[in-house]
Amino acid sequence: MATITIQIPNAQVSWFEQMIRTMGWVFSRSDAPTVEPVDERQAITPALRRRITKARKEYAEGKTTTCKTPEEMQQFLDSL
């Protein structure tokens, strides 16, 4: 059986635990030391922030390509 470890803020643990159990998976808590969250302002550079803003604007304006199936996605990637 594979084990996946993720860190969840305490405020979201009950929601996540319920979702995992609904899917039939096992949820266990660990008292392992946690890694401090990274401040988004340090992780996202100004250049990346501009690209994200541009992408959000294009998405809102419908200037994006949407693929609903893996086959559509493959055709799109092949066309590039």
PDB file of N, CA and C in Angstrom:
ATOM      1  N   MET A   1       0.843  -1.165   0.000  1.00  0.00           N
ATOM      2  CA  MET A   1       0.000   0.000   0.000  1.00  0.00           C
ATOM      3  C   MET A   1       0.893   1.235   0.000  1.00  0.00           C
ATOM      4  N   ALA A   2       0.565   2.190  -0.839  1.00  0.00           N
ATOM      5  CA  ALA A   2       1.331   3.426  -0.934  1.00  0.00           C
ATOM      6  C   ALA A   2       0.925   4.377   0.186  1.00  0.00           C
ATOM      7  N   THR A   3       1.881   5.140   0.659  1.00  0.00           N
ATOM      8  CA  THR A   3       1.623   6.138   1.682  1.00  0.00           C
ATOM      9  C   THR A   3       1.959   7.503   1.122  1.00  0.00           C
ATOM     10  N   ILE A   4       1.041   8.423   1.274  1.00  0.00           N
ATOM     11  CA  ILE A   4       1.259   9.796   0.840  1.00  0.00           C
ATOM     12  C   ILE A   4       1.164  10.678   2.066  1.00  0.00           C
ATOM     13  N   THR A   5       2.122  11.563   2.225  1.00  0.00           N
ATOM     14  CA  THR A   5       2.127  12.468   3.356  1.00  0.00           C
ATOM     15  C   THR A   5       1.911  13.890   2.861  1.00  0.00           C
ATOM     16  N   ILE A   6       0.929  14.551   3.434  1.00  0.00           N
ATOM     17  CA  ILE A   6       0.684  15.952   3.106  1.00  0.00           C
ATOM     18  C   ILE A   6       0.470  16.723   4.401  1.00  0.00           C
ATOM     19  N   GLN A   7       0.691  18.008   4.332  1.00  0.00           N
ATOM     20  CA  GLN A   7       0.464  18.848   5.497  1.00  0.00           C
ATOM     21  C   GLN A   7      -0.760  19.706   5.245  1.00  0.00           C
ATOM     22  N   ILE A   8      -1.626  19.751   6.240  1.00  0.00           N
ATOM     23  CA  ILE A   8      -2.887  20.470   6.123  1.00  0.00           C
ATOM     24  C   ILE A   8      -2.994  21.428   7.303  1.00  0.00           C
ATOM     25  N   PRO A   9      -3.409  22.667   7.067  1.00  0.00           N
ATOM     26  CA  PRO A   9      -3.640  23.572   8.195  1.00  0.00           C
ATOM     27  C   PRO A   9      -4.667  22.980   9.149  1.00  0.00           C
ATOM     28  N   ASN A  10      -4.476  23.182  10.438  1.00  0.00           N
ATOM     29  CA  ASN A  10      -5.369  22.592  11.441  1.00  0.00           C
ATOM     30  C   ASN A  10      -6.825  22.924  11.191  1.00  0.00           C
ATOM     31  N   ALA A  11      -7.112  24.117  10.691  1.00  0.00           N
ATOM     32  CA  ALA A  11      -8.492  24.522  10.460  1.00  0.00           C
ATOM     33  C   ALA A  11      -9.170  23.675   9.385  1.00  0.00           C
ATOM     34  N   GLN A  12      -8.407  23.006   8.532  1.00  0.00           N
ATOM     35  CA  GLN A  12      -8.983  22.235   7.437  1.00  0.00           C
ATOM     36  C   GLN A  12      -8.918  20.728   7.658  1.00  0.00           C
ATOM     37  N   VAL A  13      -8.367  20.287   8.770  1.00  0.00           N
ATOM     38  CA  VAL A  13      -8.178  18.856   9.000  1.00  0.00           C
ATOM     39  C   VAL A  13      -9.505  18.103   9.006  1.00  0.00           C
ATOM     40  N   SER A  14     -10.527  18.607   9.696  1.00  0.00           N
ATOM     41  CA  SER A  14     -11.785  17.851   9.784  1.00  0.00           C
ATOM     42  C   SER A  14     -12.435  17.698   8.412  1.00  0.00           C
ATOM     43  N   TRP A  15     -12.405  18.749   7.598  1.00  0.00           N
ATOM     44  CA  TRP A  15     -12.960  18.664   6.247  1.00  0.00           C
ATOM     45  C   TRP A  15     -12.187  17.635   5.425  1.00  0.00           C
ATOM     46  N   PHE A  16     -10.862  17.691   5.486  1.00  0.00           N
ATOM     47  CA  PHE A  16     -10.030  16.785   4.712  1.00  0.00           C
ATOM     48  C   PHE A  16     -10.229  15.346   5.179  1.00  0.00           C
ATOM     49  N   GLU A  17     -10.278  15.151   6.486  1.00  0.00           N
ATOM     50  CA  GLU A  17     -10.486  13.814   7.034  1.00  0.00           C
ATOM     51  C   GLU A  17     -11.813  13.233   6.553  1.00  0.00           C
ATOM     52  N   GLN A  18     -12.860  14.027   6.534  1.00  0.00           N
ATOM     53  CA  GLN A  18     -14.172  13.568   6.063  1.00  0.00           C
ATOM     54  C   GLN A  18     -14.102  13.200   4.576  1.00  0.00           C
ATOM     55  N   MET A  19     -13.440  14.024   3.778  1.00  0.00           N
ATOM     56  CA  MET A  19     -13.331  13.750   2.351  1.00  0.00           C
ATOM     57  C   MET A  19     -12.574  12.445   2.103  1.00  0.00           C
ATOM     58  N   ILE A  20     -11.473  12.250   2.804  1.00  0.00           N
ATOM     59  CA  ILE A  20     -10.656  11.042   2.638  1.00  0.00           C
ATOM     60  C   ILE A  20     -11.459   9.799   3.021  1.00  0.00           C
ATOM     61  N   ARG A  21     -12.161   9.856   4.125  1.00  0.00           N
ATOM     62  CA  ARG A  21     -12.946   8.697   4.555  1.00  0.00           C
ATOM     63  C   ARG A  21     -14.079   8.398   3.586  1.00  0.00           C
ATOM     64  N   THR A  22     -14.671   9.438   2.999  1.00  0.00           N
ATOM     65  CA  THR A  22     -15.733   9.256   2.005  1.00  0.00           C
ATOM     66  C   THR A  22     -15.209   8.465   0.813  1.00  0.00           C
ATOM     67  N   MET A  23     -13.936   8.678   0.480  1.00  0.00           N
ATOM     68  CA  MET A  23     -13.331   7.988  -0.661  1.00  0.00           C
ATOM     69  C   MET A  23     -12.868   6.577  -0.290  1.00  0.00           C
ATOM     70  N   GLY A  24     -13.001   6.213   0.990  1.00  0.00           N
ATOM     71  CA  GLY A  24     -12.614   4.869   1.417  1.00  0.00           C
ATOM     72  C   GLY A  24     -11.140   4.740   1.733  1.00  0.00           C
ATOM     73  N   TRP A  25     -10.458   5.858   1.887  1.00  0.00           N
ATOM     74  CA  TRP A  25      -9.037   5.829   2.221  1.00  0.00           C
ATOM     75  C   TRP A  25      -8.860   5.934   3.723  1.00  0.00           C
ATOM     76  N   VAL A  26      -7.654   5.719   4.169  1.00  0.00           N
ATOM     77  CA  VAL A  26      -7.345   5.788   5.593  1.00  0.00           C
ATOM     78  C   VAL A  26      -6.658   7.116   5.877  1.00  0.00           C
ATOM     79  N   PHE A  27      -7.110   7.770   6.928  1.00  0.00           N
ATOM     80  CA  PHE A  27      -6.541   9.054   7.334  1.00  0.00           C
ATOM     81  C   PHE A  27      -5.914   8.872   8.699  1.00  0.00           C
ATOM     82  N   SER A  28      -4.668   9.253   8.853  1.00  0.00           N
ATOM     83  CA  SER A  28      -4.046   9.204  10.172  1.00  0.00           C
ATOM     84  C   SER A  28      -3.276  10.497  10.399  1.00  0.00           C
ATOM     85  N   ARG A  29      -3.261  10.897  11.640  1.00  0.00           N
ATOM     86  CA  ARG A  29      -2.565  12.127  12.002  1.00  0.00           C
ATOM     87  C   ARG A  29      -1.163  11.802  12.478  1.00  0.00           C
ATOM     88  N   SER A  30      -0.271  12.744  12.282  1.00  0.00           N
ATOM     89  CA  SER A  30       1.109  12.563  12.708  1.00  0.00           C
ATOM     90  C   SER A  30       1.532  13.781  13.513  1.00  0.00           C
ATOM     91  N   ASP A  31       2.336  13.549  14.514  1.00  0.00           N
ATOM     92  CA  ASP A  31       2.854  14.663  15.301  1.00  0.00           C
ATOM     93  C   ASP A  31       4.235  15.092  14.811  1.00  0.00           C
ATOM     94  N   ALA A  32       4.532  14.741  13.580  1.00  0.00           N
ATOM     95  CA  ALA A  32       5.834  15.114  13.014  1.00  0.00           C
ATOM     96  C   ALA A  32       5.933  16.633  12.929  1.00  0.00           C
ATOM     97  N   PRO A  33       7.133  17.162  13.066  1.00  0.00           N
ATOM     98  CA  PRO A  33       7.286  18.616  12.961  1.00  0.00           C
ATOM     99  C   PRO A  33       6.835  19.110  11.591  1.00  0.00           C
ATOM    100  N   THR A  34       6.213  20.255  11.580  1.00  0.00           N
ATOM    101  CA  THR A  34       5.711  20.810  10.337  1.00  0.00           C
ATOM    102  C   THR A  34       6.680  21.843   9.783  1.00  0.00           C
ATOM    103  N   VAL A  35       6.602  22.021   8.502  1.00  0.00           N
ATOM    104  CA  VAL A  35       7.414  23.021   7.828  1.00  0.00           C
ATOM    105  C   VAL A  35       6.612  24.310   7.795  1.00  0.00           C
ATOM    106  N   GLU A  36       7.263  25.398   8.093  1.00  0.00           N
ATOM    107  CA  GLU A  36       6.571  26.679   8.069  1.00  0.00           C
ATOM    108  C   GLU A  36       6.102  26.983   6.656  1.00  0.00           C
ATOM    109  N   PRO A  37       4.894  27.498   6.492  1.00  0.00           N
ATOM    110  CA  PRO A  37       4.423  27.840   5.148  1.00  0.00           C
ATOM    111  C   PRO A  37       5.268  28.956   4.541  1.00  0.00           C
ATOM    112  N   VAL A  38       5.424  28.904   3.242  1.00  0.00           N
ATOM    113  CA  VAL A  38       6.206  29.907   2.539  1.00  0.00           C
ATOM    114  C   VAL A  38       5.323  31.115   2.289  1.00  0.00           C
ATOM    115  N   ASP A  39       5.852  32.273   2.568  1.00  0.00           N
ATOM    116  CA  ASP A  39       5.121  33.508   2.294  1.00  0.00           C
ATOM    117  C   ASP A  39       4.989  33.657   0.784  1.00  0.00           C
ATOM    118  N   GLU A  40       3.759  33.780   0.291  1.00  0.00           N
ATOM    119  CA  GLU A  40       3.516  33.854  -1.146  1.00  0.00           C
ATOM    120  C   GLU A  40       4.306  34.982  -1.791  1.00  0.00           C
ATOM    121  N   ARG A  41       4.474  36.080  -1.085  1.00  0.00           N
ATOM    122  CA  ARG A  41       5.200  37.217  -1.655  1.00  0.00           C
ATOM    123  C   ARG A  41       6.660  36.873  -1.912  1.00  0.00           C
ATOM    124  N   GLN A  42       7.203  35.916  -1.174  1.00  0.00           N
ATOM    125  CA  GLN A  42       8.586  35.497  -1.381  1.00  0.00           C
ATOM    126  C   GLN A  42       8.696  34.436  -2.466  1.00  0.00           C
ATOM    127  N   ALA A  43       7.643  33.638  -2.649  1.00  0.00           N
ATOM    128  CA  ALA A  43       7.688  32.533  -3.594  1.00  0.00           C
ATOM    129  C   ALA A  43       7.329  32.968  -5.012  1.00  0.00           C
ATOM    130  N   ILE A  44       6.535  34.012  -5.137  1.00  0.00           N
ATOM    131  CA  ILE A  44       6.089  34.459  -6.457  1.00  0.00           C
ATOM    132  C   ILE A  44       6.776  35.778  -6.784  1.00  0.00           C
ATOM    133  N   THR A  45       7.603  35.741  -7.804  1.00  0.00           N
ATOM    134  CA  THR A  45       8.344  36.933  -8.206  1.00  0.00           C
ATOM    135  C   THR A  45       7.409  37.922  -8.904  1.00  0.00           C
ATOM    136  N   PRO A  46       7.817  39.173  -9.007  1.00  0.00           N
ATOM    137  CA  PRO A  46       6.979  40.148  -9.719  1.00  0.00           C
ATOM    138  C   PRO A  46       6.694  39.738 -11.163  1.00  0.00           C
ATOM    139  N   ALA A  47       7.677  39.157 -11.841  1.00  0.00           N
ATOM    140  CA  ALA A  47       7.465  38.712 -13.229  1.00  0.00           C
ATOM    141  C   ALA A  47       6.412  37.606 -13.280  1.00  0.00           C
ATOM    142  N   LEU A  48       6.494  36.664 -12.360  1.00  0.00           N
ATOM    143  CA  LEU A  48       5.511  35.586 -12.320  1.00  0.00           C
ATOM    144  C   LEU A  48       4.137  36.141 -11.959  1.00  0.00           C
ATOM    145  N   ARG A  49       4.081  37.099 -11.040  1.00  0.00           N
ATOM    146  CA  ARG A  49       2.823  37.721 -10.662  1.00  0.00           C
ATOM    147  C   ARG A  49       2.160  38.370 -11.891  1.00  0.00           C
ATOM    148  N   ARG A  50       2.955  39.043 -12.756  1.00  0.00           N
ATOM    149  CA  ARG A  50       2.410  39.653 -13.970  1.00  0.00           C
ATOM    150  C   ARG A  50       1.847  38.588 -14.910  1.00  0.00           C
ATOM    151  N   ARG A  51       2.552  37.460 -15.056  1.00  0.00           N
ATOM    152  CA  ARG A  51       2.081  36.382 -15.922  1.00  0.00           C
ATOM    153  C   ARG A  51       0.777  35.782 -15.394  1.00  0.00           C
ATOM    154  N   ILE A  52       0.678  35.629 -14.073  1.00  0.00           N
ATOM    155  CA  ILE A  52      -0.539  35.092 -13.463  1.00  0.00           C
ATOM    156  C   ILE A  52      -1.705  36.042 -13.698  1.00  0.00           C
ATOM    157  N   THR A  53      -1.465  37.339 -13.499  1.00  0.00           N
ATOM    158  CA  THR A  53      -2.509  38.343 -13.709  1.00  0.00           C
ATOM    159  C   THR A  53      -2.977  38.337 -15.156  1.00  0.00           C
ATOM    160  N   LYS A  54      -2.029  38.254 -16.093  1.00  0.00           N
ATOM    161  CA  LYS A  54      -2.372  38.215 -17.519  1.00  0.00           C
ATOM    162  C   LYS A  54      -3.191  36.958 -17.833  1.00  0.00           C
ATOM    163  N   ALA A  55      -2.780  35.819 -17.290  1.00  0.00           N
ATOM    164  CA  ALA A  55      -3.497  34.561 -17.546  1.00  0.00           C
ATOM    165  C   ALA A  55      -4.913  34.616 -16.990  1.00  0.00           C
ATOM    166  N   ARG A  56      -5.080  35.188 -15.809  1.00  0.00           N
ATOM    167  CA  ARG A  56      -6.418  35.312 -15.224  1.00  0.00           C
ATOM    168  C   ARG A  56      -7.306  36.204 -16.084  1.00  0.00           C
ATOM    169  N   LYS A  57      -6.734  37.288 -16.596  1.00  0.00           N
ATOM    170  CA  LYS A  57      -7.494  38.199 -17.451  1.00  0.00           C
ATOM    171  C   LYS A  57      -7.914  37.486 -18.739  1.00  0.00           C
ATOM    172  N   GLU A  58      -6.974  36.763 -19.362  1.00  0.00           N
ATOM    173  CA  GLU A  58      -7.284  36.035 -20.596  1.00  0.00           C
ATOM    174  C   GLU A  58      -8.349  34.969 -20.345  1.00  0.00           C
ATOM    175  N   TYR A  59      -8.261  34.302 -19.211  1.00  0.00           N
ATOM    176  CA  TYR A  59      -9.259  33.286 -18.877  1.00  0.00           C
ATOM    177  C   TYR A  59     -10.636  33.930 -18.731  1.00  0.00           C
ATOM    178  N   ALA A  60     -10.702  35.053 -18.025  1.00  0.00           N
ATOM    179  CA  ALA A  60     -11.970  35.748 -17.817  1.00  0.00           C
ATOM    180  C   ALA A  60     -12.574  36.219 -19.140  1.00  0.00           C
ATOM    181  N   GLU A  61     -11.731  36.560 -20.109  1.00  0.00           N
ATOM    182  CA  GLU A  61     -12.191  37.029 -21.409  1.00  0.00           C
ATOM    183  C   GLU A  61     -12.461  35.885 -22.389  1.00  0.00           C
ATOM    184  N   GLY A  62     -12.252  34.654 -21.945  1.00  0.00           N
ATOM    185  CA  GLY A  62     -12.506  33.498 -22.811  1.00  0.00           C
ATOM    186  C   GLY A  62     -11.424  33.271 -23.846  1.00  0.00           C
ATOM    187  N   LYS A  63     -10.251  33.807 -23.627  1.00  0.00           N
ATOM    188  CA  LYS A  63      -9.146  33.660 -24.585  1.00  0.00           C
ATOM    189  C   LYS A  63      -8.254  32.487 -24.197  1.00  0.00           C
ATOM    190  N   THR A  64      -8.859  31.368 -23.887  1.00  0.00           N
ATOM    191  CA  THR A  64      -8.101  30.187 -23.492  1.00  0.00           C
ATOM    192  C   THR A  64      -8.556  28.983 -24.298  1.00  0.00           C
ATOM    193  N   THR A  65      -7.737  27.945 -24.300  1.00  0.00           N
ATOM    194  CA  THR A  65      -8.099  26.696 -24.956  1.00  0.00           C
ATOM    195  C   THR A  65      -8.565  25.730 -23.880  1.00  0.00           C
ATOM    196  N   THR A  66      -9.718  25.142 -24.085  1.00  0.00           N
ATOM    197  CA  THR A  66     -10.265  24.193 -23.119  1.00  0.00           C
ATOM    198  C   THR A  66     -10.384  22.828 -23.772  1.00  0.00           C
ATOM    199  N   CYS A  67      -9.878  21.823 -23.096  1.00  0.00           N
ATOM    200  CA  CYS A  67      -9.973  20.438 -23.559  1.00  0.00           C
ATOM    201  C   CYS A  67     -10.760  19.656 -22.517  1.00  0.00           C
ATOM    202  N   LYS A  68     -11.777  18.937 -22.966  1.00  0.00           N
ATOM    203  CA  LYS A  68     -12.638  18.215 -22.043  1.00  0.00           C
ATOM    204  C   LYS A  68     -12.303  16.734 -21.939  1.00  0.00           C
ATOM    205  N   THR A  69     -11.506  16.217 -22.861  1.00  0.00           N
ATOM    206  CA  THR A  69     -11.135  14.806 -22.815  1.00  0.00           C
ATOM    207  C   THR A  69      -9.634  14.677 -23.035  1.00  0.00           C
ATOM    208  N   PRO A  70      -9.058  13.563 -22.623  1.00  0.00           N
ATOM    209  CA  PRO A  70      -7.628  13.353 -22.882  1.00  0.00           C
ATOM    210  C   PRO A  70      -7.308  13.376 -24.390  1.00  0.00           C
ATOM    211  N   GLU A  71      -8.256  12.898 -25.198  1.00  0.00           N
ATOM    212  CA  GLU A  71      -8.024  12.884 -26.646  1.00  0.00           C
ATOM    213  C   GLU A  71      -7.942  14.309 -27.193  1.00  0.00           C
ATOM    214  N   GLU A  72      -8.856  15.182 -26.733  1.00  0.00           N
ATOM    215  CA  GLU A  72      -8.811  16.590 -27.147  1.00  0.00           C
ATOM    216  C   GLU A  72      -7.494  17.229 -26.729  1.00  0.00           C
ATOM    217  N   MET A  73      -7.039  16.917 -25.511  1.00  0.00           N
ATOM    218  CA  MET A  73      -5.778  17.466 -25.018  1.00  0.00           C
ATOM    219  C   MET A  73      -4.615  16.983 -25.880  1.00  0.00           C
ATOM    220  N   GLN A  74      -4.617  15.712 -26.228  1.00  0.00           N
ATOM    221  CA  GLN A  74      -3.539  15.178 -27.048  1.00  0.00           C
ATOM    222  C   GLN A  74      -3.538  15.827 -28.419  1.00  0.00           C
ATOM    223  N   GLN A  75      -4.710  16.010 -29.021  1.00  0.00           N
ATOM    224  CA  GLN A  75      -4.795  16.681 -30.325  1.00  0.00           C
ATOM    225  C   GLN A  75      -4.265  18.104 -30.221  1.00  0.00           C
ATOM    226  N   PHE A  76      -4.606  18.795 -29.160  1.00  0.00           N
ATOM    227  CA  PHE A  76      -4.135  20.161 -28.972  1.00  0.00           C
ATOM    228  C   PHE A  76      -2.615  20.175 -28.841  1.00  0.00           C
ATOM    229  N   LEU A  77      -2.070  19.288 -28.019  1.00  0.00           N
ATOM    230  CA  LEU A  77      -0.607  19.253 -27.838  1.00  0.00           C
ATOM    231  C   LEU A  77       0.105  18.884 -29.133  1.00  0.00           C
ATOM    232  N   ASP A  78      -0.477  17.964 -29.892  1.00  0.00           N
ATOM    233  CA  ASP A  78       0.120  17.575 -31.178  1.00  0.00           C
ATOM    234  C   ASP A  78       0.122  18.729 -32.174  1.00  0.00           C
ATOM    235  N   SER A  79      -0.858  19.626 -32.038  1.00  0.00           N
ATOM    236  CA  SER A  79      -0.951  20.748 -32.987  1.00  0.00           C
ATOM    237  C   SER A  79       0.052  21.867 -32.690  1.00  0.00           C
ATOM    238  N   LEU A  80       0.665  21.826 -31.532  1.00  0.00           N
ATOM    239  CA  LEU A  80       1.600  22.909 -31.168  1.00  0.00           C
ATOM    240  C   LEU A  80       2.910  22.825 -31.914  1.00  0.00           C
TER     241      LEU A  80
END
